[in-house]
Structures are given as C-alpha cells and as structure tokens.
Amino acid sequence: MIGRLNHVGIATPDVEKEAANWARIYGAIDAEAAFDLPEQGVRVKFVNLPNGQLELIQPLGDNSPITKFLAKNPAGGQHHICFEVPDIIEARDAMIERGAKVLGNGEPRIGAHGVPVIFIHPANSGGVLVELMQEPEGH
C-alpha cells in the first residue's frame, strides 16, 4: 500500500544553517529556497538528493509542533519519514481499519509539497512518526 520513500523530515532550530551543514559534510548542495507554512507552524527547506529529499523544518513560533520536539532535542534530529500513497483517503481509511492512530482530526491537510498528507502516531511504527502524502501529479 505505501509507495516510495519521499523524504526524511529533520527538525532543526535553523533550516539555512542545517542545509549548509548537509552541503559541507555530505555534499548535498541542491537545496530549494526556504518557505513558511504558517498553517502548520513551520519553516521548510528541501534538500534534493538523487533518491529522495531531506525536509528541514524549523518552528514558526511557540505553538509549532517542532518547538516541542526541539525542547527535547535542542540540536534537532530526525522528526519523521514520509511515504507516497496513491490515494490519501484510502490510505487513511486503511490505517484506521488496521488499528493505526491518525493524528489530528484524521482529515488530510495540505503539506509542504502542496498535496494532502496525514501523520500516523509513532506508537504504530516502532517509535517513528510516519507521514503519508498523496503522490504528486506525474509520479
């Protein structure tokens, strides 16, 4: 049911500084311009890799879910992994049917790629927060 790995989300206090770190250490120089997603309380910067992306995310204010994460992990760290699915509603319903907990109110919201996403509670995935995103057009 899940498709390809789309990205790994990395929480950080500063997306620009972290992108520069990935470029310096690993040679990951293909980074997109950072942008804000106020409805999700985050600033995002994608680093493109040959086989996927890193999604660098920093909090926008104290109400951001990333603020809580950074309180426990001040230097940042892996926040989530994201897989593509053909149909986000079918995926959500399948997750619920299988006993997984979909976070929030269960309704998909528009994610950083401009497509609907949901998040599955880490307790259902060995402690890993999983994002499912509807496959972008053309994939």
N, C-alpha and C. Protein backbone atom coordinates (compact mmCIF):
# COMPACT_ATOMS: atom_id res chain seq x y z
N MET A 1 0.79 -1.19 0.00
CA MET A 1 0.00 0.00 0.00
C MET A 1 0.84 1.27 0.00
N ILE A 2 1.90 1.30 0.81
CA ILE A 2 2.73 2.51 0.79
C ILE A 2 3.60 2.48 -0.45
N GLY A 3 3.88 3.66 -0.95
CA GLY A 3 4.71 3.80 -2.13
C GLY A 3 6.13 4.13 -1.75
N ARG A 4 6.77 4.85 -2.63
CA ARG A 4 8.18 5.16 -2.43
C ARG A 4 8.40 6.13 -1.27
N LEU A 5 9.59 6.03 -0.68
CA LEU A 5 10.00 6.99 0.33
C LEU A 5 10.17 8.33 -0.37
N ASN A 6 9.49 9.35 0.11
CA ASN A 6 9.58 10.67 -0.50
C ASN A 6 10.65 11.51 0.18
N HIS A 7 10.60 11.58 1.51
CA HIS A 7 11.59 12.38 2.22
C HIS A 7 11.73 11.94 3.67
N VAL A 8 12.81 12.42 4.26
CA VAL A 8 13.06 12.27 5.69
C VAL A 8 12.99 13.67 6.28
N GLY A 9 12.13 13.85 7.29
CA GLY A 9 11.99 15.15 7.93
C GLY A 9 12.99 15.29 9.08
N ILE A 10 13.69 16.41 9.08
CA ILE A 10 14.69 16.68 10.11
C ILE A 10 14.34 18.00 10.78
N ALA A 11 14.05 17.95 12.07
CA ALA A 11 13.77 19.16 12.84
C ALA A 11 15.09 19.85 13.16
N THR A 12 15.08 21.17 13.08
CA THR A 12 16.28 21.94 13.32
C THR A 12 15.91 23.34 13.81
N PRO A 13 16.76 23.95 14.61
CA PRO A 13 16.49 25.32 15.01
C PRO A 13 16.64 26.33 13.86
N ASP A 14 17.37 25.94 12.78
CA ASP A 14 17.65 26.88 11.69
C ASP A 14 17.84 26.10 10.38
N VAL A 15 16.86 26.19 9.47
CA VAL A 15 16.93 25.41 8.23
C VAL A 15 18.11 25.82 7.35
N GLU A 16 18.45 27.10 7.34
CA GLU A 16 19.57 27.56 6.49
C GLU A 16 20.90 27.01 7.00
N LYS A 17 21.10 27.08 8.30
CA LYS A 17 22.32 26.57 8.90
C LYS A 17 22.43 25.05 8.68
N GLU A 18 21.31 24.34 8.84
CA GLU A 18 21.32 22.90 8.67
C GLU A 18 21.56 22.50 7.22
N ALA A 19 20.99 23.24 6.28
CA ALA A 19 21.23 22.96 4.86
C ALA A 19 22.71 23.15 4.53
N ALA A 20 23.31 24.20 5.09
CA ALA A 20 24.74 24.44 4.88
C ALA A 20 25.58 23.31 5.48
N ASN A 21 25.15 22.78 6.61
CA ASN A 21 25.84 21.65 7.23
C ASN A 21 25.78 20.42 6.33
N TRP A 22 24.60 20.09 5.78
CA TRP A 22 24.47 18.95 4.88
C TRP A 22 25.30 19.15 3.62
N ALA A 23 25.41 20.37 3.16
CA ALA A 23 26.25 20.65 1.98
C ALA A 23 27.72 20.46 2.32
N ARG A 24 28.15 20.98 3.47
CA ARG A 24 29.56 20.91 3.85
C ARG A 24 29.99 19.48 4.14
N ILE A 25 29.21 18.75 4.91
CA ILE A 25 29.60 17.41 5.34
C ILE A 25 29.37 16.36 4.26
N TYR A 26 28.20 16.42 3.59
CA TYR A 26 27.80 15.34 2.67
C TYR A 26 27.76 15.75 1.20
N GLY A 27 28.01 17.01 0.92
CA GLY A 27 27.97 17.45 -0.47
C GLY A 27 26.56 17.61 -1.01
N ALA A 28 25.58 17.70 -0.15
CA ALA A 28 24.18 17.86 -0.56
C ALA A 28 23.91 19.33 -0.86
N ILE A 29 24.22 19.74 -2.08
CA ILE A 29 24.17 21.17 -2.41
C ILE A 29 22.91 21.61 -3.14
N ASP A 30 22.06 20.67 -3.53
CA ASP A 30 20.85 21.03 -4.28
C ASP A 30 19.71 21.32 -3.32
N ALA A 31 19.73 22.52 -2.74
CA ALA A 31 18.70 22.90 -1.78
C ALA A 31 17.76 23.93 -2.41
N GLU A 32 16.48 23.78 -2.11
CA GLU A 32 15.48 24.71 -2.60
C GLU A 32 15.37 25.89 -1.64
N ALA A 33 14.73 26.96 -2.08
CA ALA A 33 14.52 28.12 -1.23
C ALA A 33 13.60 27.74 -0.07
N ALA A 34 13.90 28.25 1.10
CA ALA A 34 13.07 28.00 2.27
C ALA A 34 11.74 28.76 2.12
N PHE A 35 10.71 28.21 2.74
CA PHE A 35 9.40 28.87 2.73
C PHE A 35 8.67 28.54 4.02
N ASP A 36 7.73 29.41 4.36
CA ASP A 36 6.94 29.24 5.59
C ASP A 36 5.62 28.55 5.28
N LEU A 37 5.23 27.68 6.19
CA LEU A 37 3.89 27.06 6.19
C LEU A 37 3.22 27.45 7.50
N PRO A 38 2.68 28.66 7.58
CA PRO A 38 2.12 29.14 8.85
C PRO A 38 1.01 28.25 9.40
N GLU A 39 0.21 27.64 8.51
CA GLU A 39 -0.88 26.79 8.99
C GLU A 39 -0.36 25.56 9.70
N GLN A 40 0.89 25.18 9.45
CA GLN A 40 1.49 24.05 10.16
C GLN A 40 2.52 24.50 11.18
N GLY A 41 2.79 25.81 11.22
CA GLY A 41 3.71 26.35 12.21
C GLY A 41 5.17 26.03 11.94
N VAL A 42 5.54 25.88 10.65
CA VAL A 42 6.92 25.51 10.34
C VAL A 42 7.48 26.32 9.17
N ARG A 43 8.78 26.42 9.15
CA ARG A 43 9.55 26.91 8.00
C ARG A 43 10.22 25.67 7.42
N VAL A 44 10.19 25.54 6.10
CA VAL A 44 10.65 24.32 5.42
C VAL A 44 11.71 24.67 4.38
N LYS A 45 12.69 23.79 4.29
CA LYS A 45 13.70 23.88 3.22
C LYS A 45 14.00 22.46 2.77
N PHE A 46 13.77 22.18 1.48
CA PHE A 46 14.04 20.86 0.94
C PHE A 46 15.47 20.80 0.40
N VAL A 47 16.15 19.70 0.71
CA VAL A 47 17.45 19.39 0.15
C VAL A 47 17.23 18.18 -0.76
N ASN A 48 17.45 18.36 -2.05
CA ASN A 48 17.22 17.30 -3.04
C ASN A 48 18.40 16.36 -3.11
N LEU A 49 18.09 15.07 -3.11
CA LEU A 49 19.09 14.02 -3.21
C LEU A 49 18.77 13.17 -4.44
N PRO A 50 19.69 12.35 -4.91
CA PRO A 50 19.39 11.54 -6.09
C PRO A 50 18.19 10.61 -5.92
N ASN A 51 17.90 10.19 -4.71
CA ASN A 51 16.83 9.22 -4.48
C ASN A 51 15.76 9.69 -3.51
N GLY A 52 15.62 10.97 -3.31
CA GLY A 52 14.62 11.49 -2.38
C GLY A 52 14.99 12.90 -1.92
N GLN A 53 14.44 13.28 -0.80
CA GLN A 53 14.69 14.61 -0.26
C GLN A 53 14.86 14.55 1.25
N LEU A 54 15.54 15.55 1.76
CA LEU A 54 15.50 15.86 3.18
C LEU A 54 14.58 17.06 3.31
N GLU A 55 13.68 17.01 4.28
CA GLU A 55 12.81 18.14 4.56
C GLU A 55 13.29 18.74 5.89
N LEU A 56 13.99 19.85 5.80
CA LEU A 56 14.47 20.53 7.00
C LEU A 56 13.33 21.41 7.50
N ILE A 57 13.00 21.27 8.78
CA ILE A 57 11.86 22.00 9.33
C ILE A 57 12.25 22.69 10.64
N GLN A 58 11.92 23.96 10.73
CA GLN A 58 12.16 24.72 11.95
C GLN A 58 10.83 25.32 12.40
N PRO A 59 10.71 25.56 13.70
CA PRO A 59 9.44 26.09 14.21
C PRO A 59 9.21 27.54 13.81
N LEU A 60 7.94 27.86 13.61
CA LEU A 60 7.50 29.26 13.47
C LEU A 60 6.70 29.59 14.72
N GLY A 61 7.37 29.99 15.76
CA GLY A 61 6.68 30.36 16.99
C GLY A 61 6.56 29.23 17.99
N ASP A 62 6.05 29.59 19.15
CA ASP A 62 5.96 28.66 20.28
C ASP A 62 4.90 27.58 20.11
N ASN A 63 3.92 27.79 19.25
CA ASN A 63 2.84 26.81 19.08
C ASN A 63 3.17 25.75 18.04
N SER A 64 4.33 25.84 17.42
CA SER A 64 4.73 24.86 16.41
C SER A 64 4.97 23.50 17.05
N PRO A 65 4.56 22.42 16.39
CA PRO A 65 4.89 21.09 16.92
C PRO A 65 6.39 20.85 16.97
N ILE A 66 7.15 21.57 16.17
CA ILE A 66 8.60 21.41 16.17
C ILE A 66 9.22 22.04 17.42
N THR A 67 8.57 23.03 17.98
CA THR A 67 9.07 23.64 19.22
C THR A 67 9.17 22.60 20.33
N LYS A 68 8.13 21.78 20.47
CA LYS A 68 8.14 20.72 21.49
C LYS A 68 9.24 19.71 21.21
N PHE A 69 9.40 19.35 19.94
CA PHE A 69 10.44 18.39 19.57
C PHE A 69 11.81 18.94 19.93
N LEU A 70 12.07 20.21 19.60
CA LEU A 70 13.37 20.81 19.88
C LEU A 70 13.60 21.03 21.38
N ALA A 71 12.54 21.14 22.15
CA ALA A 71 12.70 21.25 23.61
C ALA A 71 13.34 19.98 24.16
N LYS A 72 12.99 18.84 23.56
CA LYS A 72 13.56 17.56 23.97
C LYS A 72 14.87 17.26 23.27
N ASN A 73 15.06 17.84 22.09
CA ASN A 73 16.25 17.59 21.25
C ASN A 73 16.77 18.93 20.74
N PRO A 74 17.43 19.71 21.57
CA PRO A 74 17.79 21.09 21.22
C PRO A 74 18.62 21.23 19.94
N ALA A 75 19.41 20.24 19.61
CA ALA A 75 20.22 20.32 18.38
C ALA A 75 19.43 19.88 17.15
N GLY A 76 18.22 19.36 17.37
CA GLY A 76 17.41 18.86 16.27
C GLY A 76 17.59 17.36 16.11
N GLY A 77 17.04 16.82 15.02
CA GLY A 77 17.15 15.40 14.75
C GLY A 77 16.06 14.92 13.83
N GLN A 78 16.09 13.62 13.55
CA GLN A 78 15.08 13.05 12.66
C GLN A 78 13.70 13.22 13.29
N HIS A 79 12.80 13.79 12.55
CA HIS A 79 11.45 14.05 13.03
C HIS A 79 10.45 13.05 12.48
N HIS A 80 10.52 12.76 11.17
CA HIS A 80 9.58 11.83 10.56
C HIS A 80 10.13 11.29 9.25
N ILE A 81 9.47 10.24 8.74
CA ILE A 81 9.73 9.77 7.39
C ILE A 81 8.41 9.85 6.63
N CYS A 82 8.51 10.08 5.33
CA CYS A 82 7.31 10.28 4.53
C CYS A 82 7.28 9.34 3.34
N PHE A 83 6.15 8.65 3.19
CA PHE A 83 5.93 7.76 2.07
C PHE A 83 4.79 8.28 1.21
N GLU A 84 4.90 8.06 -0.08
CA GLU A 84 3.83 8.42 -1.01
C GLU A 84 2.77 7.31 -1.03
N VAL A 85 1.52 7.71 -1.22
CA VAL A 85 0.41 6.78 -1.41
C VAL A 85 -0.42 7.29 -2.58
N PRO A 86 -1.05 6.37 -3.34
CA PRO A 86 -1.84 6.81 -4.49
C PRO A 86 -3.07 7.63 -4.13
N ASP A 87 -3.71 7.31 -3.00
CA ASP A 87 -4.94 7.98 -2.60
C ASP A 87 -4.92 8.17 -1.08
N ILE A 88 -4.84 9.40 -0.64
CA ILE A 88 -4.67 9.69 0.79
C ILE A 88 -5.90 9.26 1.61
N ILE A 89 -7.09 9.38 1.06
CA ILE A 89 -8.29 8.97 1.79
C ILE A 89 -8.32 7.46 1.96
N GLU A 90 -8.03 6.73 0.90
CA GLU A 90 -7.97 5.27 1.00
C GLU A 90 -6.90 4.85 2.00
N ALA A 91 -5.75 5.52 1.96
CA ALA A 91 -4.66 5.20 2.90
C ALA A 91 -5.09 5.47 4.33
N ARG A 92 -5.72 6.61 4.56
CA ARG A 92 -6.20 6.95 5.91
C ARG A 92 -7.18 5.90 6.42
N ASP A 93 -8.15 5.56 5.57
CA ASP A 93 -9.15 4.59 5.99
C ASP A 93 -8.53 3.23 6.26
N ALA A 94 -7.55 2.84 5.46
CA ALA A 94 -6.86 1.57 5.68
C ALA A 94 -6.08 1.59 6.99
N MET A 95 -5.45 2.72 7.28
CA MET A 95 -4.69 2.84 8.53
C MET A 95 -5.63 2.68 9.73
N ILE A 96 -6.76 3.35 9.68
CA ILE A 96 -7.72 3.27 10.78
C ILE A 96 -8.25 1.85 10.92
N GLU A 97 -8.57 1.23 9.78
CA GLU A 97 -9.08 -0.15 9.79
C GLU A 97 -8.07 -1.12 10.39
N ARG A 98 -6.79 -0.85 10.18
CA ARG A 98 -5.72 -1.71 10.70
C ARG A 98 -5.36 -1.38 12.15
N GLY A 99 -6.02 -0.39 12.73
CA GLY A 99 -5.79 -0.06 14.12
C GLY A 99 -4.77 1.04 14.37
N ALA A 100 -4.29 1.69 13.31
CA ALA A 100 -3.33 2.77 13.49
C ALA A 100 -4.05 4.04 13.92
N LYS A 101 -3.34 4.89 14.64
CA LYS A 101 -3.89 6.17 15.07
C LYS A 101 -3.43 7.25 14.12
N VAL A 102 -4.39 7.86 13.43
CA VAL A 102 -4.10 9.01 12.57
C VAL A 102 -4.15 10.24 13.46
N LEU A 103 -3.11 11.05 13.42
CA LEU A 103 -3.02 12.22 14.29
C LEU A 103 -3.96 13.33 13.84
N GLY A 104 -4.21 14.26 14.74
CA GLY A 104 -5.12 15.38 14.47
C GLY A 104 -6.55 14.89 14.42
N ASN A 105 -7.33 15.52 13.58
CA ASN A 105 -8.74 15.12 13.47
C ASN A 105 -8.96 14.04 12.41
N GLY A 106 -7.88 13.55 11.82
CA GLY A 106 -7.98 12.49 10.82
C GLY A 106 -8.19 12.99 9.41
N GLU A 107 -8.47 14.28 9.28
CA GLU A 107 -8.67 14.84 7.94
C GLU A 107 -7.32 15.24 7.35
N PRO A 108 -7.06 14.87 6.09
CA PRO A 108 -5.81 15.29 5.46
C PRO A 108 -5.71 16.81 5.39
N ARG A 109 -4.47 17.29 5.46
CA ARG A 109 -4.20 18.72 5.28
C ARG A 109 -3.17 18.85 4.18
N ILE A 110 -3.01 20.02 3.66
CA ILE A 110 -2.05 20.24 2.58
C ILE A 110 -0.65 20.38 3.19
N GLY A 111 0.26 19.55 2.70
CA GLY A 111 1.62 19.54 3.21
C GLY A 111 2.55 20.43 2.40
N ALA A 112 3.83 20.32 2.69
CA ALA A 112 4.85 21.18 2.08
C ALA A 112 4.99 20.97 0.57
N HIS A 113 4.57 19.81 0.07
CA HIS A 113 4.64 19.56 -1.38
C HIS A 113 3.36 20.02 -2.09
N GLY A 114 2.42 20.58 -1.35
CA GLY A 114 1.19 21.06 -1.94
C GLY A 114 0.15 19.98 -2.20
N VAL A 115 0.32 18.81 -1.56
CA VAL A 115 -0.62 17.70 -1.70
C VAL A 115 -1.11 17.29 -0.31
N PRO A 116 -2.25 16.58 -0.24
CA PRO A 116 -2.77 16.17 1.07
C PRO A 116 -1.85 15.18 1.79
N VAL A 117 -1.77 15.36 3.12
CA VAL A 117 -0.94 14.49 3.96
C VAL A 117 -1.70 14.13 5.24
N ILE A 118 -1.29 13.02 5.84
CA ILE A 118 -1.71 12.64 7.19
C ILE A 118 -0.47 12.15 7.93
N PHE A 119 -0.56 12.11 9.25
CA PHE A 119 0.52 11.58 10.07
C PHE A 119 -0.01 10.43 10.90
N ILE A 120 0.81 9.38 11.03
CA ILE A 120 0.47 8.20 11.82
C ILE A 120 1.29 8.24 13.11
N HIS A 121 0.62 7.98 14.22
CA HIS A 121 1.26 8.06 15.54
C HIS A 121 2.50 7.17 15.59
N PRO A 122 3.58 7.66 16.20
CA PRO A 122 4.82 6.87 16.31
C PRO A 122 4.64 5.51 16.98
N ALA A 123 3.67 5.38 17.86
CA ALA A 123 3.45 4.09 18.55
C ALA A 123 3.10 2.98 17.57
N ASN A 124 2.61 3.34 16.38
CA ASN A 124 2.25 2.34 15.38
C ASN A 124 3.41 1.97 14.48
N SER A 125 4.56 2.60 14.67
CA SER A 125 5.67 2.42 13.72
C SER A 125 7.02 2.32 14.44
N GLY A 126 7.06 1.61 15.53
CA GLY A 126 8.32 1.43 16.24
C GLY A 126 8.92 2.72 16.75
N GLY A 127 8.08 3.69 17.09
CA GLY A 127 8.57 4.96 17.61
C GLY A 127 8.86 6.01 16.55
N VAL A 128 8.55 5.71 15.29
CA VAL A 128 8.83 6.64 14.19
C VAL A 128 7.53 7.31 13.75
N LEU A 129 7.52 8.63 13.71
CA LEU A 129 6.40 9.38 13.17
C LEU A 129 6.41 9.18 11.65
N VAL A 130 5.28 8.74 11.09
CA VAL A 130 5.19 8.48 9.65
C VAL A 130 4.20 9.45 9.03
N GLU A 131 4.65 10.11 7.99
CA GLU A 131 3.79 10.97 7.18
C GLU A 131 3.44 10.19 5.92
N LEU A 132 2.17 10.20 5.55
CA LEU A 132 1.74 9.66 4.27
C LEU A 132 1.27 10.84 3.43
N MET A 133 1.78 10.90 2.21
CA MET A 133 1.38 12.01 1.32
C MET A 133 0.84 11.44 0.03
N GLN A 134 -0.17 12.10 -0.50
CA GLN A 134 -0.70 11.69 -1.79
C GLN A 134 0.36 11.93 -2.85
N GLU A 135 0.53 10.96 -3.73
CA GLU A 135 1.53 11.08 -4.79
C GLU A 135 1.30 12.36 -5.57
N PRO A 136 2.37 13.13 -5.76
CA PRO A 136 2.23 14.33 -6.60
C PRO A 136 1.92 13.92 -8.05
N GLU A 137 1.26 14.79 -8.78
CA GLU A 137 0.97 14.53 -10.19
C GLU A 137 2.26 14.24 -10.92
N GLY A 138 2.21 13.26 -11.80
CA GLY A 138 3.38 12.94 -12.62
C GLY A 138 4.33 11.93 -12.02
N HIS A 139 4.02 11.40 -10.85
CA HIS A 139 4.91 10.39 -10.23
C HIS A 139 4.54 9.01 -10.68
